[in-house]
């Protein structure tokens, strides 16, 4: 059996954290032969501490063979110490009367602190996924506050959007999700995201041959972009289980590789006109050695280019709103 890896999770007592911990401990994220040490960072208040204690009791009761240890932390530097993987799930949700700019600023302080802590104590090869929204900008803040770590250590989760797009196309074409390949979602994890059906295939054939332009523009793209809001309206709570599953997919493929494109929010290298260093959703190839590369040379139609430009503008606006929280 392999040497254990250290996995830090923030917000472990929240809904997404609760949904993901048992999958990490069972081997779903890193494979059936990879032991793990869990480091769980929760807010320093009695209610959160009590909830986390209960979660840890449940994890212990499962007797997972791969779970070698777990510890609760309130100091991010201790939580991230020697971490090989970090899942930044905890973030402040939007409250009543809170504008998006208020949400950006509230979370900027959190992710600035966590970026500094990762920079100080995490493994130099740590792989960080930011799930807490707005995840692209939060990942950028953390990255900018960790100058001693490579930018490629940081990512934002757009895999949920890719999974949603694949499931929707499979349902529409009456095929299986395994028949859908080369699905990508460009840009920001927000309603303006750009699901890319034009480079996807269904059973090896171009996906847009199976559907109408009207369905793409009036149903597919808006539904993928607003699926999270629709789930909240339907069940009265956000999509915690599917978000946790997507985070498992993201980290599994990043660590172990995949045989298809994976959508990751990663620092741009300037490809497709995206400003260098912006955390942006791209189709990526996960190589299997813990590295990835952005898929190059794709042909984008005018609509795709316009949607990408809109996402760039949105992210530039978000980044400007939190510029006080990143080093010059």
C-alpha atoms as a PDB file:
ATOM      1  CA  UNK A   1       0.000   0.000   0.000  1.00  0.00           C
ATOM      2  CA  UNK A   2       1.157   3.554  -0.759  1.00  0.00           C
ATOM      3  CA  UNK A   3       2.399   6.082   1.769  1.00  0.00           C
ATOM      4  CA  UNK A   4      -0.511   8.180   3.123  1.00  0.00           C
ATOM      5  CA  UNK A   5      -1.210  11.594   1.622  1.00  0.00           C
ATOM      6  CA  UNK A   6      -2.288  14.599   3.697  1.00  0.00           C
ATOM      7  CA  UNK A   7      -5.606  16.105   2.674  1.00  0.00           C
ATOM      8  CA  UNK A   8      -6.831  19.388   4.151  1.00  0.00           C
ATOM      9  CA  UNK A   9     -10.518  20.289   3.909  1.00  0.00           C
ATOM     10  CA  UNK A  10     -12.022  23.628   4.914  1.00  0.00           C
ATOM     11  CA  UNK A  11     -15.664  23.881   5.938  1.00  0.00           C
ATOM     12  CA  UNK A  12     -15.858  20.151   6.747  1.00  0.00           C
ATOM     13  CA  UNK A  13     -19.000  20.479   8.859  1.00  0.00           C
ATOM     14  CA  UNK A  14     -20.922  22.225   6.070  1.00  0.00           C
ATOM     15  CA  UNK A  15     -23.164  20.432   3.604  1.00  0.00           C
ATOM     16  CA  UNK A  16     -20.557  19.998   0.857  1.00  0.00           C
ATOM     17  CA  UNK A  17     -17.831  19.125   3.355  1.00  0.00           C
ATOM     18  CA  UNK A  18     -20.045  16.526   4.984  1.00  0.00           C
ATOM     19  CA  UNK A  19     -20.858  15.016   1.574  1.00  0.00           C
ATOM     20  CA  UNK A  20     -17.235  14.788   0.485  1.00  0.00           C
ATOM     21  CA  UNK A  21     -15.385  13.509   3.551  1.00  0.00           C
ATOM     22  CA  UNK A  22     -16.773   9.990   3.437  1.00  0.00           C
ATOM     23  CA  UNK A  23     -15.884   9.660  -0.238  1.00  0.00           C
ATOM     24  CA  UNK A  24     -12.312  10.788   0.392  1.00  0.00           C
ATOM     25  CA  UNK A  25     -11.957   8.361   3.282  1.00  0.00           C
ATOM     26  CA  UNK A  26     -13.464   5.487   1.277  1.00  0.00           C
ATOM     27  CA  UNK A  27     -10.950   5.835  -1.578  1.00  0.00           C
ATOM     28  CA  UNK A  28     -13.174   7.470  -4.205  1.00  0.00           C
ATOM     29  CA  UNK A  29     -10.884  10.463  -4.645  1.00  0.00           C
ATOM     30  CA  UNK A  30      -7.418   8.899  -4.771  1.00  0.00           C
ATOM     31  CA  UNK A  31      -8.054   5.229  -5.410  1.00  0.00           C
ATOM     32  CA  UNK A  32      -8.491   2.040  -3.366  1.00  0.00           C
ATOM     33  CA  UNK A  33      -4.820   1.766  -2.393  1.00  0.00           C
ATOM     34  CA  UNK A  34      -4.158   5.341  -1.236  1.00  0.00           C
ATOM     35  CA  UNK A  35      -4.313   5.938   2.550  1.00  0.00           C
ATOM     36  CA  UNK A  36      -5.107   9.442   3.736  1.00  0.00           C
ATOM     37  CA  UNK A  37      -4.603  11.706   6.724  1.00  0.00           C
ATOM     38  CA  UNK A  38      -7.436  14.250   7.037  1.00  0.00           C
ATOM     39  CA  UNK A  39      -6.910  17.741   8.428  1.00  0.00           C
ATOM     40  CA  UNK A  40     -10.223  19.515   8.962  1.00  0.00           C
ATOM     41  CA  UNK A  41     -10.336  23.310   9.262  1.00  0.00           C
ATOM     42  CA  UNK A  42     -13.508  24.723  10.771  1.00  0.00           C
ATOM     43  CA  UNK A  43     -14.522  28.109  12.156  1.00  0.00           C
ATOM     44  CA  UNK A  44     -13.659  28.726  15.813  1.00  0.00           C
ATOM     45  CA  UNK A  45     -17.135  28.837  17.285  1.00  0.00           C
ATOM     46  CA  UNK A  46     -18.941  26.355  19.538  1.00  0.00           C
ATOM     47  CA  UNK A  47     -21.631  25.395  17.049  1.00  0.00           C
ATOM     48  CA  UNK A  48     -19.189  24.602  14.234  1.00  0.00           C
ATOM     49  CA  UNK A  49     -16.818  22.784  16.571  1.00  0.00           C
ATOM     50  CA  UNK A  50     -19.636  20.606  17.890  1.00  0.00           C
ATOM     51  CA  UNK A  51     -20.846  19.805  14.379  1.00  0.00           C
ATOM     52  CA  UNK A  52     -17.341  18.840  13.286  1.00  0.00           C
ATOM     53  CA  UNK A  53     -16.938  16.613  16.317  1.00  0.00           C
ATOM     54  CA  UNK A  54     -20.074  14.751  15.241  1.00  0.00           C
ATOM     55  CA  UNK A  55     -18.786  14.381  11.676  1.00  0.00           C
ATOM     56  CA  UNK A  56     -15.514  12.949  12.957  1.00  0.00           C
ATOM     57  CA  UNK A  57     -17.398  10.508  15.158  1.00  0.00           C
ATOM     58  CA  UNK A  58     -19.283   9.283  12.085  1.00  0.00           C
ATOM     59  CA  UNK A  59     -16.065   8.945  10.089  1.00  0.00           C
ATOM     60  CA  UNK A  60     -14.570   6.869  12.888  1.00  0.00           C
ATOM     61  CA  UNK A  61     -17.688   4.699  13.008  1.00  0.00           C
ATOM     62  CA  UNK A  62     -17.256   3.836   9.337  1.00  0.00           C
ATOM     63  CA  UNK A  63     -13.903   2.135  10.073  1.00  0.00           C
ATOM     64  CA  UNK A  64     -12.492   3.084   6.688  1.00  0.00           C
ATOM     65  CA  UNK A  65      -9.262   1.104   6.134  1.00  0.00           C
ATOM     66  CA  UNK A  66      -7.724   4.003   4.170  1.00  0.00           C
ATOM     67  CA  UNK A  67      -8.364   6.661   6.822  1.00  0.00           C
ATOM     68  CA  UNK A  68      -5.175   6.619   8.872  1.00  0.00           C
ATOM     69  CA  UNK A  69      -5.821   9.708  10.986  1.00  0.00           C
ATOM     70  CA  UNK A  70      -7.896  12.860  11.223  1.00  0.00           C
ATOM     71  CA  UNK A  71      -7.579  16.015  13.212  1.00  0.00           C
ATOM     72  CA  UNK A  72      -9.645  19.151  13.731  1.00  0.00           C
ATOM     73  CA  UNK A  73      -7.924  22.520  13.360  1.00  0.00           C
ATOM     74  CA  UNK A  74      -8.898  26.156  13.760  1.00  0.00           C
ATOM     75  CA  UNK A  75      -5.598  27.661  12.581  1.00  0.00           C
ATOM     76  CA  UNK A  76      -5.187  27.434   8.781  1.00  0.00           C
ATOM     77  CA  UNK A  77      -1.408  27.177   9.078  1.00  0.00           C
ATOM     78  CA  UNK A  78      -1.748  24.028  11.131  1.00  0.00           C
ATOM     79  CA  UNK A  79      -4.534  22.704   8.936  1.00  0.00           C
ATOM     80  CA  UNK A  80      -2.411  23.066   5.788  1.00  0.00           C
ATOM     81  CA  UNK A  81       0.872  21.916   7.300  1.00  0.00           C
ATOM     82  CA  UNK A  82       2.522  19.488   4.833  1.00  0.00           C
ATOM     83  CA  UNK A  83      -0.771  19.136   2.944  1.00  0.00           C
ATOM     84  CA  UNK A  84      -0.494  17.340  -0.385  1.00  0.00           C
ATOM     85  CA  UNK A  85      -4.058  18.282  -1.329  1.00  0.00           C
ATOM     86  CA  UNK A  86      -6.282  21.094  -0.114  1.00  0.00           C
ATOM     87  CA  UNK A  87      -9.994  21.434  -0.747  1.00  0.00           C
ATOM     88  CA  UNK A  88     -11.119  24.978   0.047  1.00  0.00           C
ATOM     89  CA  UNK A  89     -14.843  24.449   0.444  1.00  0.00           C
ATOM     90  CA  UNK A  90     -15.756  26.789   3.268  1.00  0.00           C
ATOM     91  CA  UNK A  91     -16.838  30.278   2.204  1.00  0.00           C
ATOM     92  CA  UNK A  92     -19.287  32.877   3.362  1.00  0.00           C
ATOM     93  CA  UNK A  93     -22.650  32.545   1.587  1.00  0.00           C
ATOM     94  CA  UNK A  94     -24.556  35.550   0.361  1.00  0.00           C
ATOM     95  CA  UNK A  95     -26.828  36.885   3.100  1.00  0.00           C
ATOM     96  CA  UNK A  96     -30.001  39.015   2.966  1.00  0.00           C
ATOM     97  CA  UNK A  97     -29.347  42.401   1.379  1.00  0.00           C
ATOM     98  CA  UNK A  98     -25.763  41.457   0.481  1.00  0.00           C
ATOM     99  CA  UNK A  99     -24.588  42.604  -2.936  1.00  0.00           C
ATOM    100  CA  UNK A 100     -22.115  40.570  -5.010  1.00  0.00           C
ATOM    101  CA  UNK A 101     -19.401  43.112  -4.195  1.00  0.00           C
ATOM    102  CA  UNK A 102     -20.046  42.560  -0.482  1.00  0.00           C
ATOM    103  CA  UNK A 103     -19.762  38.797  -0.968  1.00  0.00           C
ATOM    104  CA  UNK A 104     -16.538  39.183  -2.909  1.00  0.00           C
ATOM    105  CA  UNK A 105     -14.994  41.312  -0.153  1.00  0.00           C
ATOM    106  CA  UNK A 106     -16.150  39.040   2.671  1.00  0.00           C
ATOM    107  CA  UNK A 107     -14.624  35.982   1.020  1.00  0.00           C
ATOM    108  CA  UNK A 108     -11.509  37.823  -0.131  1.00  0.00           C
ATOM    109  CA  UNK A 109     -10.338  38.124   3.466  1.00  0.00           C
ATOM    110  CA  UNK A 110     -10.858  34.388   4.025  1.00  0.00           C
ATOM    111  CA  UNK A 111      -8.972  33.301   0.931  1.00  0.00           C
ATOM    112  CA  UNK A 112      -6.175  35.801   1.475  1.00  0.00           C
ATOM    113  CA  UNK A 113      -5.540  34.208   4.877  1.00  0.00           C
ATOM    114  CA  UNK A 114      -5.750  30.706   3.461  1.00  0.00           C
ATOM    115  CA  UNK A 115      -3.409  31.548   0.586  1.00  0.00           C
ATOM    116  CA  UNK A 116      -0.850  32.904   3.037  1.00  0.00           C
ATOM    117  CA  UNK A 117      -1.187  29.809   5.204  1.00  0.00           C
ATOM    118  CA  UNK A 118      -0.749  27.470   2.233  1.00  0.00           C
ATOM    119  CA  UNK A 119       2.307  29.448   1.199  1.00  0.00           C
ATOM    120  CA  UNK A 120       3.802  29.048   4.659  1.00  0.00           C
ATOM    121  CA  UNK A 121       3.130  25.425   5.546  1.00  0.00           C
ATOM    122  CA  UNK A 122       1.762  23.292   2.684  1.00  0.00           C
ATOM    123  CA  UNK A 123       3.776  20.914   0.531  1.00  0.00           C
ATOM    124  CA  UNK A 124       5.514  22.724  -2.321  1.00  0.00           C
ATOM    125  CA  UNK A 125       3.602  20.463  -4.703  1.00  0.00           C
ATOM    126  CA  UNK A 126       0.211  20.903  -3.045  1.00  0.00           C
ATOM    127  CA  UNK A 127      -2.837  20.691  -5.294  1.00  0.00           C
ATOM    128  CA  UNK A 128      -5.544  23.166  -4.287  1.00  0.00           C
ATOM    129  CA  UNK A 129      -9.138  23.187  -5.483  1.00  0.00           C
ATOM    130  CA  UNK A 130     -11.371  26.104  -4.518  1.00  0.00           C
ATOM    131  CA  UNK A 131     -15.049  25.190  -4.279  1.00  0.00           C
ATOM    132  CA  UNK A 132     -16.292  28.127  -2.188  1.00  0.00           C
ATOM    133  CA  UNK A 133     -17.874  30.762  -4.423  1.00  0.00           C
ATOM    134  CA  UNK A 134     -17.057  32.945  -6.245  1.00  0.00           C
ATOM    135  CA  UNK A 135     -14.526  30.177  -6.816  1.00  0.00           C
ATOM    136  CA  UNK A 136     -12.529  31.600  -9.743  1.00  0.00           C
ATOM    137  CA  UNK A 137     -11.782  34.850  -7.958  1.00  0.00           C
ATOM    138  CA  UNK A 138     -11.287  33.151  -4.591  1.00  0.00           C
ATOM    139  CA  UNK A 139      -8.729  30.829  -6.197  1.00  0.00           C
ATOM    140  CA  UNK A 140      -6.984  33.838  -7.745  1.00  0.00           C
ATOM    141  CA  UNK A 141      -6.802  35.573  -4.354  1.00  0.00           C
ATOM    142  CA  UNK A 142      -5.340  32.472  -2.694  1.00  0.00           C
ATOM    143  CA  UNK A 143      -2.846  32.000  -5.530  1.00  0.00           C
ATOM    144  CA  UNK A 144      -1.678  35.617  -5.433  1.00  0.00           C
ATOM    145  CA  UNK A 145      -1.131  35.358  -1.683  1.00  0.00           C
ATOM    146  CA  UNK A 146       1.041  32.250  -2.093  1.00  0.00           C
ATOM    147  CA  UNK A 147       4.015  33.559  -4.085  1.00  0.00           C
ATOM    148  CA  UNK A 148       6.276  30.661  -3.077  1.00  0.00           C
ATOM    149  CA  UNK A 149       3.929  28.111  -4.632  1.00  0.00           C
ATOM    150  CA  UNK A 150       3.652  27.598  -8.382  1.00  0.00           C
ATOM    151  CA  UNK A 151       0.467  29.108  -9.855  1.00  0.00           C
ATOM    152  CA  UNK A 152      -0.315  25.653 -11.231  1.00  0.00           C
ATOM    153  CA  UNK A 153      -0.925  24.492  -7.664  1.00  0.00           C
ATOM    154  CA  UNK A 154      -4.256  26.368  -7.677  1.00  0.00           C
ATOM    155  CA  UNK A 155      -7.527  25.587  -9.407  1.00  0.00           C
ATOM    156  CA  UNK A 156     -11.211  26.443  -9.239  1.00  0.00           C
ATOM    157  CA  UNK A 157     -14.024  23.941  -9.634  1.00  0.00           C
ATOM    158  CA  UNK A 158     -15.944  24.056 -12.897  1.00  0.00           C
ATOM    159  CA  UNK A 159     -16.258  20.276 -13.084  1.00  0.00           C
ATOM    160  CA  UNK A 160     -19.801  20.482 -11.723  1.00  0.00           C
ATOM    161  CA  UNK A 161     -20.754  22.557 -14.762  1.00  0.00           C
ATOM    162  CA  UNK A 162     -19.113  20.042 -17.100  1.00  0.00           C
ATOM    163  CA  UNK A 163     -20.933  17.175 -15.406  1.00  0.00           C
ATOM    164  CA  UNK A 164     -24.236  19.032 -15.696  1.00  0.00           C
ATOM    165  CA  UNK A 165     -23.632  19.716 -19.387  1.00  0.00           C
ATOM    166  CA  UNK A 166     -22.766  16.075 -20.095  1.00  0.00           C
ATOM    167  CA  UNK A 167     -25.821  14.786 -18.258  1.00  0.00           C
ATOM    168  CA  UNK A 168     -28.128  17.207 -20.071  1.00  0.00           C
ATOM    169  CA  UNK A 169     -26.728  16.323 -23.507  1.00  0.00           C
ATOM    170  CA  UNK A 170     -26.925  12.595 -22.757  1.00  0.00           C
ATOM    171  CA  UNK A 171     -30.568  12.946 -21.740  1.00  0.00           C
ATOM    172  CA  UNK A 172     -31.395  14.982 -24.844  1.00  0.00           C
ATOM    173  CA  UNK A 173     -29.706  12.515 -27.211  1.00  0.00           C
ATOM    174  CA  UNK A 174     -30.931   9.436 -25.296  1.00  0.00           C
ATOM    175  CA  UNK A 175     -27.401   8.196 -24.821  1.00  0.00           C
ATOM    176  CA  UNK A 176     -25.234   7.485 -21.815  1.00  0.00           C
ATOM    177  CA  UNK A 177     -22.899  10.036 -20.244  1.00  0.00           C
ATOM    178  CA  UNK A 178     -20.030   7.730 -21.222  1.00  0.00           C
ATOM    179  CA  UNK A 179     -20.960   8.387 -24.868  1.00  0.00           C
ATOM    180  CA  UNK A 180     -20.301  12.119 -24.383  1.00  0.00           C
ATOM    181  CA  UNK A 181     -16.697  13.229 -24.845  1.00  0.00           C
ATOM    182  CA  UNK A 182     -14.775  16.486 -25.164  1.00  0.00           C
ATOM    183  CA  UNK A 183     -17.360  18.487 -23.244  1.00  0.00           C
ATOM    184  CA  UNK A 184     -15.914  21.691 -21.804  1.00  0.00           C
ATOM    185  CA  UNK A 185     -17.135  24.771 -19.974  1.00  0.00           C
ATOM    186  CA  UNK A 186     -15.184  27.967 -20.497  1.00  0.00           C
ATOM    187  CA  UNK A 187     -14.787  30.871 -18.129  1.00  0.00           C
ATOM    188  CA  UNK A 188     -16.270  31.752 -14.782  1.00  0.00           C
ATOM    189  CA  UNK A 189     -18.365  29.557 -12.484  1.00  0.00           C
ATOM    190  CA  UNK A 190     -21.331  31.898 -12.824  1.00  0.00           C
ATOM    191  CA  UNK A 191     -24.454  32.157 -14.988  1.00  0.00           C
ATOM    192  CA  UNK A 192     -22.303  33.660 -17.767  1.00  0.00           C
ATOM    193  CA  UNK A 193     -20.212  30.480 -18.116  1.00  0.00           C
ATOM    194  CA  UNK A 194     -19.811  29.160 -21.661  1.00  0.00           C
ATOM    195  CA  UNK A 195     -20.699  25.457 -22.095  1.00  0.00           C
ATOM    196  CA  UNK A 196     -19.083  24.249 -25.308  1.00  0.00           C
ATOM    197  CA  UNK A 197     -21.208  21.778 -27.226  1.00  0.00           C
ATOM    198  CA  UNK A 198     -19.487  22.579 -30.535  1.00  0.00           C
ATOM    199  CA  UNK A 199     -16.287  20.697 -29.660  1.00  0.00           C
ATOM    200  CA  UNK A 200     -18.093  17.841 -27.908  1.00  0.00           C
ATOM    201  CA  UNK A 201     -18.969  14.503 -29.463  1.00  0.00           C
ATOM    202  CA  UNK A 202     -21.726  11.926 -29.011  1.00  0.00           C
ATOM    203  CA  UNK A 203     -20.611   8.403 -29.864  1.00  0.00           C
ATOM    204  CA  UNK A 204     -17.749   9.920 -31.828  1.00  0.00           C
ATOM    205  CA  UNK A 205     -19.929  12.247 -33.913  1.00  0.00           C
ATOM    206  CA  UNK A 206     -20.134  16.044 -33.524  1.00  0.00           C
ATOM    207  CA  UNK A 207     -22.612  16.756 -30.738  1.00  0.00           C
ATOM    208  CA  UNK A 208     -24.290  19.651 -32.504  1.00  0.00           C
ATOM    209  CA  UNK A 209     -25.397  17.244 -35.257  1.00  0.00           C
ATOM    210  CA  UNK A 210     -27.819  15.699 -32.758  1.00  0.00           C
ATOM    211  CA  UNK A 211     -29.553  18.870 -31.558  1.00  0.00           C
ATOM    212  CA  UNK A 212     -30.895  22.132 -32.946  1.00  0.00           C
ATOM    213  CA  UNK A 213     -29.292  25.551 -32.643  1.00  0.00           C
ATOM    214  CA  UNK A 214     -32.447  26.707 -30.891  1.00  0.00           C
ATOM    215  CA  UNK A 215     -32.095  24.016 -28.213  1.00  0.00           C
ATOM    216  CA  UNK A 216     -28.420  24.905 -27.693  1.00  0.00           C
ATOM    217  CA  UNK A 217     -29.086  28.609 -27.215  1.00  0.00           C
ATOM    218  CA  UNK A 218     -32.481  28.578 -25.510  1.00  0.00           C
ATOM    219  CA  UNK A 219     -32.213  25.472 -23.324  1.00  0.00           C
ATOM    220  CA  UNK A 220     -28.749  23.965 -23.063  1.00  0.00           C
ATOM    221  CA  UNK A 221     -26.572  27.008 -22.355  1.00  0.00           C
ATOM    222  CA  UNK A 222     -29.040  28.819 -20.009  1.00  0.00           C
ATOM    223  CA  UNK A 223     -29.920  25.646 -18.113  1.00  0.00           C
ATOM    224  CA  UNK A 224     -26.296  24.687 -17.442  1.00  0.00           C
ATOM    225  CA  UNK A 225     -25.535  28.234 -16.320  1.00  0.00           C
ATOM    226  CA  UNK A 226     -28.508  28.496 -13.970  1.00  0.00           C
ATOM    227  CA  UNK A 227     -28.784  24.907 -12.762  1.00  0.00           C
ATOM    228  CA  UNK A 228     -27.587  25.771  -9.267  1.00  0.00           C
ATOM    229  CA  UNK A 229     -30.348  28.323  -8.787  1.00  0.00           C
ATOM    230  CA  UNK A 230     -32.922  25.848 -10.109  1.00  0.00           C
ATOM    231  CA  UNK A 231     -31.833  23.254  -7.540  1.00  0.00           C
ATOM    232  CA  UNK A 232     -32.110  25.793  -4.725  1.00  0.00           C
ATOM    233  CA  UNK A 233     -35.617  26.668  -5.884  1.00  0.00           C
ATOM    234  CA  UNK A 234     -36.598  22.992  -6.080  1.00  0.00           C
ATOM    235  CA  UNK A 235     -35.203  21.642  -2.812  1.00  0.00           C
ATOM    236  CA  UNK A 236     -34.681  24.764  -0.746  1.00  0.00           C
ATOM    237  CA  UNK A 237     -30.929  24.198  -0.454  1.00  0.00           C
ATOM    238  CA  UNK A 238     -27.884  24.351  -2.682  1.00  0.00           C
ATOM    239  CA  UNK A 239     -26.452  21.436  -4.646  1.00  0.00           C
ATOM    240  CA  UNK A 240     -24.158  20.020  -1.992  1.00  0.00           C
ATOM    241  CA  UNK A 241     -23.968  16.352  -3.026  1.00  0.00           C
ATOM    242  CA  UNK A 242     -23.358  17.051  -6.711  1.00  0.00           C
ATOM    243  CA  UNK A 243     -20.785  19.718  -5.850  1.00  0.00           C
ATOM    244  CA  UNK A 244     -18.977  17.244  -3.601  1.00  0.00           C
ATOM    245  CA  UNK A 245     -19.067  14.612  -6.353  1.00  0.00           C
ATOM    246  CA  UNK A 246     -17.639  17.085  -8.868  1.00  0.00           C
ATOM    247  CA  UNK A 247     -14.828  18.016  -6.479  1.00  0.00           C
ATOM    248  CA  UNK A 248     -14.006  14.315  -6.149  1.00  0.00           C
ATOM    249  CA  UNK A 249     -13.940  14.005  -9.951  1.00  0.00           C
ATOM    250  CA  UNK A 250     -11.747  17.105 -10.304  1.00  0.00           C
ATOM    251  CA  UNK A 251      -9.141  16.019  -7.775  1.00  0.00           C
ATOM    252  CA  UNK A 252      -9.202  12.354  -8.810  1.00  0.00           C
ATOM    253  CA  UNK A 253      -8.444  13.206 -12.420  1.00  0.00           C
ATOM    254  CA  UNK A 254      -5.868  15.854 -11.541  1.00  0.00           C
ATOM    255  CA  UNK A 255      -4.008  13.379  -9.333  1.00  0.00           C
ATOM    256  CA  UNK A 256      -4.447  10.190 -11.367  1.00  0.00           C
ATOM    257  CA  UNK A 257      -5.238  11.291 -14.932  1.00  0.00           C
ATOM    258  CA  UNK A 258      -8.242  10.910 -17.218  1.00  0.00           C
ATOM    259  CA  UNK A 259      -8.907   9.572 -20.721  1.00  0.00           C
ATOM    260  CA  UNK A 260     -11.023  12.557 -21.715  1.00  0.00           C
ATOM    261  CA  UNK A 261     -10.909  16.322 -21.382  1.00  0.00           C
ATOM    262  CA  UNK A 262     -11.588  17.690 -17.925  1.00  0.00           C
ATOM    263  CA  UNK A 263     -12.791  21.215 -17.264  1.00  0.00           C
ATOM    264  CA  UNK A 264     -10.649  22.970 -14.679  1.00  0.00           C
ATOM    265  CA  UNK A 265     -10.444  26.589 -13.602  1.00  0.00           C
ATOM    266  CA  UNK A 266      -6.700  27.131 -13.894  1.00  0.00           C
ATOM    267  CA  UNK A 267      -4.283  30.045 -14.336  1.00  0.00           C
ATOM    268  CA  UNK A 268      -4.358  31.101 -17.962  1.00  0.00           C
ATOM    269  CA  UNK A 269      -1.177  30.867 -19.988  1.00  0.00           C
ATOM    270  CA  UNK A 270      -2.600  33.366 -22.481  1.00  0.00           C
ATOM    271  CA  UNK A 271      -4.419  30.758 -24.571  1.00  0.00           C
ATOM    272  CA  UNK A 272      -7.570  31.821 -26.434  1.00  0.00           C
ATOM    273  CA  UNK A 273      -7.017  35.468 -25.545  1.00  0.00           C
ATOM    274  CA  UNK A 274      -7.552  34.940 -21.814  1.00  0.00           C
ATOM    275  CA  UNK A 275      -5.239  37.254 -19.826  1.00  0.00           C
ATOM    276  CA  UNK A 276      -2.265  35.406 -18.379  1.00  0.00           C
ATOM    277  CA  UNK A 277      -2.734  34.459 -14.739  1.00  0.00           C
ATOM    278  CA  UNK A 278      -6.535  34.775 -14.697  1.00  0.00           C
ATOM    279  CA  UNK A 279      -8.221  31.707 -13.171  1.00  0.00           C
ATOM    280  CA  UNK A 280     -10.404  30.614 -16.061  1.00  0.00           C
ATOM    281  CA  UNK A 281     -12.281  27.476 -17.034  1.00  0.00           C
ATOM    282  CA  UNK A 282     -10.514  25.595 -19.835  1.00  0.00           C
ATOM    283  CA  UNK A 283     -10.677  22.102 -21.279  1.00  0.00           C
ATOM    284  CA  UNK A 284      -7.600  20.390 -19.885  1.00  0.00           C
ATOM    285  CA  UNK A 285      -5.739  17.126 -20.294  1.00  0.00           C
ATOM    286  CA  UNK A 286      -4.873  15.519 -16.943  1.00  0.00           C
ATOM    287  CA  UNK A 287      -1.714  13.570 -17.616  1.00  0.00           C
ATOM    288  CA  UNK A 288      -1.763  11.086 -14.745  1.00  0.00           C
ATOM    289  CA  UNK A 289       1.380  12.339 -13.041  1.00  0.00           C
ATOM    290  CA  UNK A 290      -0.329  15.144 -11.146  1.00  0.00           C
ATOM    291  CA  UNK A 291       0.093  17.648 -13.972  1.00  0.00           C
ATOM    292  CA  UNK A 292      -2.255  19.002 -16.628  1.00  0.00           C
ATOM    293  CA  UNK A 293      -2.135  21.036 -19.808  1.00  0.00           C
ATOM    294  CA  UNK A 294      -4.720  23.279 -21.438  1.00  0.00           C
ATOM    295  CA  UNK A 295      -6.110  21.840 -24.681  1.00  0.00           C
ATOM    296  CA  UNK A 296      -4.677  23.949 -27.501  1.00  0.00           C
ATOM    297  CA  UNK A 297      -5.675  24.718 -31.064  1.00  0.00           C
ATOM    298  CA  UNK A 298      -9.460  24.440 -30.785  1.00  0.00           C
ATOM    299  CA  UNK A 299     -11.584  26.272 -33.334  1.00  0.00           C
ATOM    300  CA  UNK A 300     -14.085  28.594 -31.663  1.00  0.00           C
ATOM    301  CA  UNK A 301     -17.036  30.136 -33.464  1.00  0.00           C
ATOM    302  CA  UNK A 302     -18.072  33.759 -33.046  1.00  0.00           C
ATOM    303  CA  UNK A 303     -20.607  32.926 -30.349  1.00  0.00           C
ATOM    304  CA  UNK A 304     -18.043  31.031 -28.302  1.00  0.00           C
ATOM    305  CA  UNK A 305     -15.566  33.866 -28.645  1.00  0.00           C
ATOM    306  CA  UNK A 306     -18.185  36.387 -27.516  1.00  0.00           C
ATOM    307  CA  UNK A 307     -19.095  34.295 -24.471  1.00  0.00           C
ATOM    308  CA  UNK A 308     -15.443  33.894 -23.540  1.00  0.00           C
ATOM    309  CA  UNK A 309     -14.974  37.664 -23.855  1.00  0.00           C
ATOM    310  CA  UNK A 310     -17.966  38.207 -21.550  1.00  0.00           C
ATOM    311  CA  UNK A 311     -16.439  35.871 -18.954  1.00  0.00           C
ATOM    312  CA  UNK A 312     -13.101  37.664 -19.177  1.00  0.00           C
ATOM    313  CA  UNK A 313     -14.840  40.999 -18.570  1.00  0.00           C
ATOM    314  CA  UNK A 314     -16.801  39.594 -15.616  1.00  0.00           C
ATOM    315  CA  UNK A 315     -13.678  38.182 -14.008  1.00  0.00           C
ATOM    316  CA  UNK A 316     -11.729  41.373 -14.563  1.00  0.00           C
ATOM    317  CA  UNK A 317     -14.498  43.221 -12.731  1.00  0.00           C
ATOM    318  CA  UNK A 318     -14.383  40.735  -9.825  1.00  0.00           C
ATOM    319  CA  UNK A 319     -10.590  40.926  -9.636  1.00  0.00           C
ATOM    320  CA  UNK A 320     -10.722  44.727  -9.559  1.00  0.00           C
ATOM    321  CA  UNK A 321     -13.219  44.588  -6.700  1.00  0.00           C
ATOM    322  CA  UNK A 322     -10.788  42.588  -4.510  1.00  0.00           C
ATOM    323  CA  UNK A 323      -7.499  44.152  -5.576  1.00  0.00           C
ATOM    324  CA  UNK A 324      -6.914  45.363  -2.014  1.00  0.00           C
ATOM    325  CA  UNK A 325      -6.591  41.726  -0.918  1.00  0.00           C
ATOM    326  CA  UNK A 326      -3.740  40.730  -3.241  1.00  0.00           C
ATOM    327  CA  UNK A 327      -0.115  41.871  -3.227  1.00  0.00           C
ATOM    328  CA  UNK A 328       0.949  44.435  -5.820  1.00  0.00           C
END
